């Protein structure tokens, strides 16, 4: 659909019906709430909008983002990288694949795994830890080398 400059923007749900609720820490919600109060005026508005309340296109948000990133000394960091940062943080915190899938709005866990499988611990990691615990149980904890040498 073609529109002239004065026409309101056309709104669509996210692709594949990926609309979702994202669990955010209270501290971040407070910070975002203050930003919305200061710059948007109500919780009903868009976080990034024109003075008339129309949401900004992603290209405009990115055009604001790039100078900020250059000033921070990290040129080339795209806004979409924050999504990957969020996903990797969830994985590092121990979230399972379905939790990360839902947080990102992926259609299926396989989509999430196609991108992030390398970030989850391998099966060998807990197996190795479990075997070390068994070895400590049977053999006793490893000797403290400094304590052993000091008793001579």
N, C-alpha and C. Protein backbone atom coordinates (compact mmCIF):
# COMPACT_ATOMS: atom_id res chain seq x y z
N UNK A 1 0.84 -1.17 0.00
CA UNK A 1 0.00 0.00 0.00
C UNK A 1 0.89 1.24 0.00
N UNK A 2 0.65 2.13 -0.91
CA UNK A 2 1.43 3.36 -0.96
C UNK A 2 0.71 4.44 -0.17
N UNK A 3 1.47 5.27 0.52
CA UNK A 3 0.85 6.32 1.31
C UNK A 3 1.63 7.62 1.13
N UNK A 4 0.94 8.72 1.33
CA UNK A 4 1.62 10.00 1.26
C UNK A 4 2.17 10.35 2.63
N UNK A 5 2.99 11.37 2.71
CA UNK A 5 3.66 11.75 3.95
C UNK A 5 2.69 11.99 5.11
N UNK A 6 1.53 12.53 4.86
CA UNK A 6 0.60 12.87 5.92
C UNK A 6 -0.26 11.70 6.40
N UNK A 7 -0.28 10.61 5.63
CA UNK A 7 -1.12 9.47 6.01
C UNK A 7 -0.56 8.76 7.24
N UNK A 8 -1.45 8.23 8.07
CA UNK A 8 -0.95 7.49 9.22
C UNK A 8 -0.24 6.20 8.77
N UNK A 9 0.70 5.75 9.59
CA UNK A 9 1.44 4.53 9.27
C UNK A 9 0.51 3.33 9.36
N UNK A 10 0.83 2.32 8.60
CA UNK A 10 0.09 1.06 8.67
C UNK A 10 0.74 0.18 9.72
N UNK A 11 -0.05 -0.37 10.62
CA UNK A 11 0.48 -1.19 11.69
C UNK A 11 0.19 -2.65 11.43
N UNK A 12 1.17 -3.49 11.68
CA UNK A 12 1.00 -4.93 11.54
C UNK A 12 1.58 -5.61 12.77
N UNK A 13 1.01 -6.75 13.11
CA UNK A 13 1.59 -7.56 14.18
C UNK A 13 2.96 -8.05 13.75
N UNK A 14 3.81 -8.41 14.70
CA UNK A 14 5.13 -8.96 14.32
C UNK A 14 4.97 -10.18 13.42
N UNK A 15 6.01 -10.48 12.65
CA UNK A 15 5.94 -11.59 11.71
C UNK A 15 5.64 -12.90 12.44
N UNK A 16 4.96 -13.77 11.77
CA UNK A 16 4.63 -15.11 12.25
C UNK A 16 3.83 -15.08 13.56
N UNK A 17 3.13 -14.01 13.86
CA UNK A 17 2.36 -13.94 15.10
C UNK A 17 3.24 -14.04 16.32
N UNK A 18 4.44 -13.47 16.27
CA UNK A 18 5.42 -13.63 17.35
C UNK A 18 5.26 -12.61 18.47
N UNK A 19 4.09 -12.00 18.57
CA UNK A 19 3.85 -11.07 19.66
C UNK A 19 3.97 -11.83 20.97
N UNK A 20 4.60 -11.21 21.99
CA UNK A 20 4.87 -11.94 23.22
C UNK A 20 5.04 -10.99 24.39
N UNK A 21 5.01 -11.57 25.57
CA UNK A 21 5.31 -10.85 26.80
C UNK A 21 6.75 -11.19 27.16
N UNK A 22 7.54 -10.18 27.45
CA UNK A 22 8.95 -10.39 27.81
C UNK A 22 9.12 -10.08 29.29
N UNK A 23 9.65 -11.04 30.03
CA UNK A 23 9.89 -10.85 31.46
C UNK A 23 11.11 -9.95 31.63
N UNK A 24 10.89 -8.81 32.26
CA UNK A 24 11.98 -7.85 32.47
C UNK A 24 12.18 -7.64 33.97
N UNK A 25 13.41 -7.39 34.38
CA UNK A 25 13.65 -7.11 35.79
C UNK A 25 13.00 -5.78 36.20
N UNK A 26 12.57 -5.72 37.44
CA UNK A 26 11.87 -4.54 37.96
C UNK A 26 12.68 -3.27 37.74
N UNK A 27 13.98 -3.32 37.95
CA UNK A 27 14.84 -2.15 37.79
C UNK A 27 14.77 -1.58 36.37
N UNK A 28 14.76 -2.46 35.38
CA UNK A 28 14.68 -2.02 33.99
C UNK A 28 13.29 -1.45 33.70
N UNK A 29 12.25 -2.07 34.24
CA UNK A 29 10.90 -1.54 34.06
C UNK A 29 10.77 -0.13 34.62
N UNK A 30 11.38 0.10 35.78
CA UNK A 30 11.35 1.44 36.37
C UNK A 30 12.03 2.45 35.45
N UNK A 31 13.18 2.07 34.93
CA UNK A 31 13.93 2.96 34.05
C UNK A 31 13.14 3.26 32.77
N UNK A 32 12.57 2.23 32.17
CA UNK A 32 11.76 2.43 30.97
C UNK A 32 10.52 3.27 31.27
N UNK A 33 9.92 3.03 32.43
CA UNK A 33 8.75 3.81 32.84
C UNK A 33 9.07 5.29 32.95
N UNK A 34 10.23 5.62 33.53
CA UNK A 34 10.63 7.03 33.64
C UNK A 34 10.84 7.63 32.26
N UNK A 35 11.46 6.86 31.35
CA UNK A 35 11.68 7.33 29.99
C UNK A 35 10.35 7.61 29.30
N UNK A 36 9.41 6.69 29.43
CA UNK A 36 8.11 6.86 28.79
C UNK A 36 7.40 8.09 29.35
N UNK A 37 7.42 8.26 30.67
CA UNK A 37 6.78 9.43 31.28
C UNK A 37 7.39 10.73 30.76
N UNK A 38 8.71 10.75 30.65
CA UNK A 38 9.41 11.96 30.23
C UNK A 38 9.23 12.27 28.75
N UNK A 39 9.31 11.23 27.92
CA UNK A 39 9.37 11.46 26.48
C UNK A 39 8.11 11.08 25.71
N UNK A 40 7.29 10.23 26.28
CA UNK A 40 6.10 9.79 25.56
C UNK A 40 4.85 10.40 26.18
N UNK A 41 4.83 10.48 27.49
CA UNK A 41 3.69 11.11 28.16
C UNK A 41 2.70 10.14 28.75
N UNK A 42 2.64 8.92 28.22
CA UNK A 42 1.74 7.92 28.78
C UNK A 42 2.24 6.54 28.42
N UNK A 43 1.77 5.57 29.16
CA UNK A 43 2.16 4.18 28.89
C UNK A 43 1.49 3.66 27.62
N UNK A 44 0.52 4.41 27.10
CA UNK A 44 -0.19 3.98 25.89
C UNK A 44 0.59 4.32 24.62
N UNK A 45 1.60 5.18 24.74
CA UNK A 45 2.35 5.61 23.57
C UNK A 45 3.43 4.62 23.18
N UNK A 46 4.12 4.93 22.10
CA UNK A 46 5.22 4.11 21.62
C UNK A 46 6.51 4.59 22.26
N UNK A 47 7.42 3.68 22.49
CA UNK A 47 8.71 4.03 23.08
C UNK A 47 9.51 4.94 22.14
N UNK A 48 9.47 4.63 20.85
CA UNK A 48 10.16 5.44 19.85
C UNK A 48 9.09 5.95 18.87
N UNK A 49 8.77 7.23 18.98
CA UNK A 49 7.70 7.78 18.15
C UNK A 49 8.02 9.21 17.75
N UNK A 50 7.31 9.67 16.74
CA UNK A 50 7.42 11.06 16.31
C UNK A 50 6.68 11.93 17.32
N UNK A 51 6.79 13.24 17.17
CA UNK A 51 6.10 14.16 18.07
C UNK A 51 4.59 13.96 18.03
N UNK A 52 4.07 13.49 16.90
CA UNK A 52 2.63 13.25 16.79
C UNK A 52 2.22 11.87 17.27
N UNK A 53 3.19 11.08 17.77
CA UNK A 53 2.87 9.78 18.35
C UNK A 53 2.92 8.61 17.39
N UNK A 54 3.33 8.83 16.16
CA UNK A 54 3.44 7.74 15.19
C UNK A 54 4.76 6.98 15.44
N UNK A 55 4.70 5.65 15.49
CA UNK A 55 5.94 4.91 15.74
C UNK A 55 6.96 5.14 14.63
N UNK A 56 8.21 5.19 15.03
CA UNK A 56 9.28 5.41 14.07
C UNK A 56 9.58 4.13 13.31
N UNK A 57 9.92 4.25 12.03
CA UNK A 57 10.34 3.05 11.31
C UNK A 57 11.70 2.59 11.83
N UNK A 58 11.97 1.29 11.73
CA UNK A 58 13.26 0.78 12.21
C UNK A 58 14.47 1.49 11.61
N UNK A 59 14.37 1.94 10.37
CA UNK A 59 15.51 2.63 9.74
C UNK A 59 15.83 3.94 10.47
N UNK A 60 14.81 4.62 10.98
CA UNK A 60 15.03 5.87 11.71
C UNK A 60 15.67 5.58 13.07
N UNK A 61 15.16 4.58 13.75
CA UNK A 61 15.74 4.20 15.05
C UNK A 61 17.20 3.82 14.84
N UNK A 62 17.48 3.07 13.78
CA UNK A 62 18.87 2.68 13.51
C UNK A 62 19.72 3.90 13.17
N UNK A 63 19.16 4.88 12.48
CA UNK A 63 19.95 6.08 12.14
C UNK A 63 20.29 6.88 13.40
N UNK A 64 19.48 6.78 14.44
CA UNK A 64 19.80 7.40 15.73
C UNK A 64 20.81 6.54 16.50
N UNK A 65 20.68 5.25 16.37
CA UNK A 65 21.51 4.28 17.10
C UNK A 65 22.97 4.38 16.65
N UNK A 66 23.21 4.47 15.36
CA UNK A 66 24.58 4.41 14.85
C UNK A 66 25.48 5.53 15.38
N UNK A 67 25.07 6.80 15.42
CA UNK A 67 25.95 7.83 16.00
C UNK A 67 26.23 7.58 17.49
N UNK A 68 25.23 7.06 18.19
CA UNK A 68 25.41 6.75 19.61
C UNK A 68 26.48 5.67 19.78
N UNK A 69 26.42 4.66 18.95
CA UNK A 69 27.38 3.56 19.00
C UNK A 69 28.78 4.05 18.63
N UNK A 70 28.88 4.89 17.63
CA UNK A 70 30.19 5.44 17.25
C UNK A 70 30.77 6.26 18.40
N UNK A 71 29.93 7.07 19.05
CA UNK A 71 30.39 7.89 20.18
C UNK A 71 30.84 7.02 21.35
N UNK A 72 30.24 5.84 21.48
CA UNK A 72 30.61 4.92 22.56
C UNK A 72 31.87 4.12 22.20
N UNK A 73 32.35 4.27 20.97
CA UNK A 73 33.57 3.56 20.56
C UNK A 73 33.34 2.14 20.11
N UNK A 74 32.11 1.80 19.74
CA UNK A 74 31.82 0.45 19.26
C UNK A 74 31.13 0.49 17.91
N UNK A 75 31.77 1.10 16.89
CA UNK A 75 31.12 1.20 15.59
C UNK A 75 30.84 -0.18 15.00
N UNK A 76 29.79 -0.25 14.21
CA UNK A 76 29.44 -1.51 13.56
C UNK A 76 28.49 -2.37 14.38
N UNK A 77 28.19 -1.97 15.62
CA UNK A 77 27.27 -2.73 16.45
C UNK A 77 25.84 -2.35 16.05
N UNK A 78 25.12 -3.31 15.52
CA UNK A 78 23.76 -3.04 15.07
C UNK A 78 22.77 -3.25 16.21
N UNK A 79 21.65 -2.58 16.12
CA UNK A 79 20.61 -2.67 17.14
C UNK A 79 20.18 -4.12 17.35
N UNK A 80 20.15 -4.89 16.28
CA UNK A 80 19.74 -6.30 16.37
C UNK A 80 20.70 -7.11 17.25
N UNK A 81 21.92 -6.63 17.43
CA UNK A 81 22.88 -7.32 18.29
C UNK A 81 22.39 -7.39 19.74
N UNK A 82 21.55 -6.43 20.15
CA UNK A 82 21.00 -6.47 21.50
C UNK A 82 20.12 -7.69 21.70
N UNK A 83 19.45 -8.13 20.64
CA UNK A 83 18.64 -9.34 20.70
C UNK A 83 19.53 -10.56 20.98
N UNK A 84 20.66 -10.63 20.29
CA UNK A 84 21.59 -11.74 20.50
C UNK A 84 22.21 -11.67 21.90
N UNK A 85 22.49 -10.47 22.37
CA UNK A 85 23.02 -10.29 23.72
C UNK A 85 22.01 -10.82 24.74
N UNK A 86 20.75 -10.47 24.55
CA UNK A 86 19.68 -10.92 25.45
C UNK A 86 19.58 -12.45 25.44
N UNK A 87 19.57 -13.03 24.26
CA UNK A 87 19.47 -14.49 24.15
C UNK A 87 20.66 -15.18 24.82
N UNK A 88 21.86 -14.70 24.57
CA UNK A 88 23.04 -15.34 25.15
C UNK A 88 23.05 -15.16 26.67
N UNK A 89 22.55 -14.03 27.16
CA UNK A 89 22.45 -13.83 28.60
C UNK A 89 21.47 -14.80 29.25
N UNK A 90 20.34 -15.03 28.59
CA UNK A 90 19.37 -16.00 29.11
C UNK A 90 19.97 -17.40 29.17
N UNK A 91 20.70 -17.76 28.13
CA UNK A 91 21.33 -19.08 28.08
C UNK A 91 22.40 -19.20 29.16
N UNK A 92 23.22 -18.18 29.33
CA UNK A 92 24.27 -18.20 30.36
C UNK A 92 23.66 -18.29 31.76
N UNK A 93 22.45 -17.75 31.93
CA UNK A 93 21.77 -17.81 33.23
C UNK A 93 21.12 -19.16 33.47
N UNK A 94 21.19 -20.06 32.49
CA UNK A 94 20.66 -21.41 32.68
C UNK A 94 19.26 -21.64 32.12
N UNK A 95 18.74 -20.71 31.34
CA UNK A 95 17.40 -20.90 30.76
C UNK A 95 17.44 -22.02 29.71
N UNK A 96 16.37 -22.80 29.68
CA UNK A 96 16.29 -23.88 28.70
C UNK A 96 15.87 -23.34 27.34
N UNK A 97 15.94 -24.19 26.32
CA UNK A 97 15.70 -23.76 24.95
C UNK A 97 14.28 -23.25 24.75
N UNK A 98 13.29 -23.84 25.39
CA UNK A 98 11.91 -23.39 25.20
C UNK A 98 11.70 -22.01 25.82
N UNK A 99 12.32 -21.76 26.96
CA UNK A 99 12.23 -20.44 27.59
C UNK A 99 12.82 -19.38 26.67
N UNK A 100 13.99 -19.65 26.11
CA UNK A 100 14.65 -18.69 25.21
C UNK A 100 13.83 -18.53 23.93
N UNK A 101 13.31 -19.63 23.41
CA UNK A 101 12.47 -19.58 22.21
C UNK A 101 11.29 -18.64 22.42
N UNK A 102 10.61 -18.79 23.54
CA UNK A 102 9.43 -17.95 23.82
C UNK A 102 9.82 -16.49 24.03
N UNK A 103 10.93 -16.25 24.72
CA UNK A 103 11.38 -14.88 24.96
C UNK A 103 11.72 -14.16 23.65
N UNK A 104 12.26 -14.90 22.70
CA UNK A 104 12.64 -14.30 21.42
C UNK A 104 11.51 -14.31 20.41
N UNK A 105 10.45 -15.08 20.69
CA UNK A 105 9.34 -15.16 19.75
C UNK A 105 9.60 -16.05 18.56
N UNK A 106 10.53 -17.00 18.71
CA UNK A 106 10.77 -17.93 17.62
C UNK A 106 9.59 -18.88 17.49
N UNK A 107 9.33 -19.32 16.29
CA UNK A 107 8.21 -20.22 16.02
C UNK A 107 8.40 -21.57 16.69
N UNK A 108 9.63 -22.05 16.74
CA UNK A 108 9.88 -23.37 17.33
C UNK A 108 11.25 -23.38 18.01
N UNK A 109 11.46 -24.33 18.93
CA UNK A 109 12.78 -24.45 19.58
C UNK A 109 13.90 -24.72 18.57
N UNK A 110 13.57 -25.38 17.46
CA UNK A 110 14.63 -25.67 16.48
C UNK A 110 15.17 -24.38 15.87
N UNK A 111 14.34 -23.36 15.71
CA UNK A 111 14.82 -22.07 15.21
C UNK A 111 15.83 -21.48 16.19
N UNK A 112 15.51 -21.57 17.47
CA UNK A 112 16.42 -21.06 18.51
C UNK A 112 17.72 -21.85 18.50
N UNK A 113 17.61 -23.17 18.42
CA UNK A 113 18.81 -24.01 18.43
C UNK A 113 19.67 -23.79 17.20
N UNK A 114 19.05 -23.53 16.06
CA UNK A 114 19.83 -23.28 14.84
C UNK A 114 20.78 -22.10 15.03
N UNK A 115 20.37 -21.12 15.82
CA UNK A 115 21.19 -19.92 16.02
C UNK A 115 22.07 -20.00 17.26
N UNK A 116 21.56 -20.61 18.35
CA UNK A 116 22.22 -20.48 19.64
C UNK A 116 22.70 -21.79 20.27
N UNK A 117 22.60 -22.91 19.57
CA UNK A 117 22.96 -24.21 20.18
C UNK A 117 24.37 -24.21 20.75
N UNK A 118 25.29 -23.53 20.09
CA UNK A 118 26.69 -23.52 20.55
C UNK A 118 26.88 -22.85 21.91
N UNK A 119 25.88 -22.12 22.39
CA UNK A 119 26.01 -21.41 23.66
C UNK A 119 25.59 -22.25 24.87
N UNK A 120 24.79 -23.29 24.63
CA UNK A 120 24.38 -24.15 25.75
C UNK A 120 25.53 -25.09 26.10
N UNK A 121 25.65 -25.43 27.39
CA UNK A 121 26.70 -26.38 27.77
C UNK A 121 26.48 -27.71 27.05
N UNK A 122 27.56 -28.37 26.70
CA UNK A 122 27.44 -29.67 26.04
C UNK A 122 27.12 -30.73 27.10
N UNK A 123 26.69 -31.88 26.66
CA UNK A 123 26.37 -32.98 27.58
C UNK A 123 27.60 -33.41 28.37
N UNK A 124 28.79 -33.18 27.81
CA UNK A 124 30.02 -33.58 28.50
C UNK A 124 30.28 -32.75 29.75
N UNK A 125 29.84 -31.49 29.76
CA UNK A 125 30.10 -30.63 30.91
C UNK A 125 29.48 -31.15 32.20
N UNK A 126 28.17 -31.42 32.25
CA UNK A 126 27.62 -31.95 33.51
C UNK A 126 28.10 -33.38 33.79
N UNK A 127 28.39 -34.14 32.72
CA UNK A 127 28.90 -35.50 32.93
C UNK A 127 30.27 -35.44 33.61
N UNK A 128 31.12 -34.55 33.13
CA UNK A 128 32.45 -34.38 33.73
C UNK A 128 32.34 -33.92 35.18
N UNK A 129 31.44 -32.97 35.45
CA UNK A 129 31.23 -32.50 36.82
C UNK A 129 30.72 -33.61 37.72
N UNK A 130 29.79 -34.40 37.19
CA UNK A 130 29.25 -35.51 37.97
C UNK A 130 30.32 -36.55 38.28
N UNK A 131 31.16 -36.85 37.31
CA UNK A 131 32.24 -37.82 37.51
C UNK A 131 33.25 -37.29 38.52
N UNK A 132 33.53 -35.98 38.49
CA UNK A 132 34.45 -35.38 39.46
C UNK A 132 33.88 -35.51 40.87
N UNK A 133 32.56 -35.29 41.01
CA UNK A 133 31.93 -35.44 42.32
C UNK A 133 32.01 -36.87 42.83
N UNK A 134 31.83 -37.83 41.94
CA UNK A 134 31.96 -39.25 42.33
C UNK A 134 33.39 -39.57 42.73
N UNK A 135 34.35 -39.05 41.97
CA UNK A 135 35.76 -39.29 42.29
C UNK A 135 36.10 -38.70 43.65
N UNK A 136 35.61 -37.51 43.96
CA UNK A 136 35.85 -36.90 45.27
C UNK A 136 35.23 -37.74 46.38
N UNK A 137 34.05 -38.27 46.12
CA UNK A 137 33.37 -39.10 47.11
C UNK A 137 34.16 -40.37 47.41
N UNK A 138 34.67 -41.02 46.37
CA UNK A 138 35.39 -42.29 46.53
C UNK A 138 36.83 -42.06 46.97
N UNK A 139 37.51 -41.11 46.39
CA UNK A 139 38.95 -40.91 46.63
C UNK A 139 39.24 -39.83 47.66
N UNK A 140 38.23 -39.06 48.03
CA UNK A 140 38.45 -37.93 48.92
C UNK A 140 38.79 -36.72 48.08
N UNK A 141 38.68 -35.54 48.67
CA UNK A 141 38.99 -34.32 47.90
C UNK A 141 40.47 -34.30 47.52
N UNK A 142 40.79 -33.60 46.44
CA UNK A 142 42.20 -33.51 46.03
C UNK A 142 43.04 -32.89 47.14
N UNK A 143 44.25 -33.39 47.29
CA UNK A 143 45.15 -32.86 48.33
C UNK A 143 45.52 -31.43 48.01
N UNK A 144 45.60 -30.60 49.05
CA UNK A 144 46.03 -29.23 48.91
C UNK A 144 47.55 -29.23 48.90
N UNK A 145 48.14 -28.98 47.76
CA UNK A 145 49.58 -29.10 47.60
C UNK A 145 50.36 -28.23 48.58
N UNK A 146 49.91 -27.02 48.87
CA UNK A 146 50.64 -26.14 49.78
C UNK A 146 50.60 -26.68 51.20
N UNK A 147 49.48 -27.29 51.59
CA UNK A 147 49.38 -27.84 52.94
C UNK A 147 50.26 -29.08 53.07
N UNK A 148 50.30 -29.90 52.03
CA UNK A 148 51.11 -31.11 52.03
C UNK A 148 52.61 -30.75 52.14
N UNK A 149 53.04 -29.74 51.38
CA UNK A 149 54.46 -29.35 51.41
C UNK A 149 54.85 -28.68 52.72
N UNK A 150 53.95 -28.00 53.41
CA UNK A 150 54.30 -27.26 54.62
C UNK A 150 54.48 -28.17 55.83
N UNK A 151 54.05 -29.43 55.76
CA UNK A 151 54.16 -30.34 56.90
C UNK A 151 55.48 -31.09 56.91
N UNK A 152 56.38 -30.87 56.02
CA UNK A 152 57.66 -31.58 55.97
C UNK A 152 58.58 -31.18 57.07
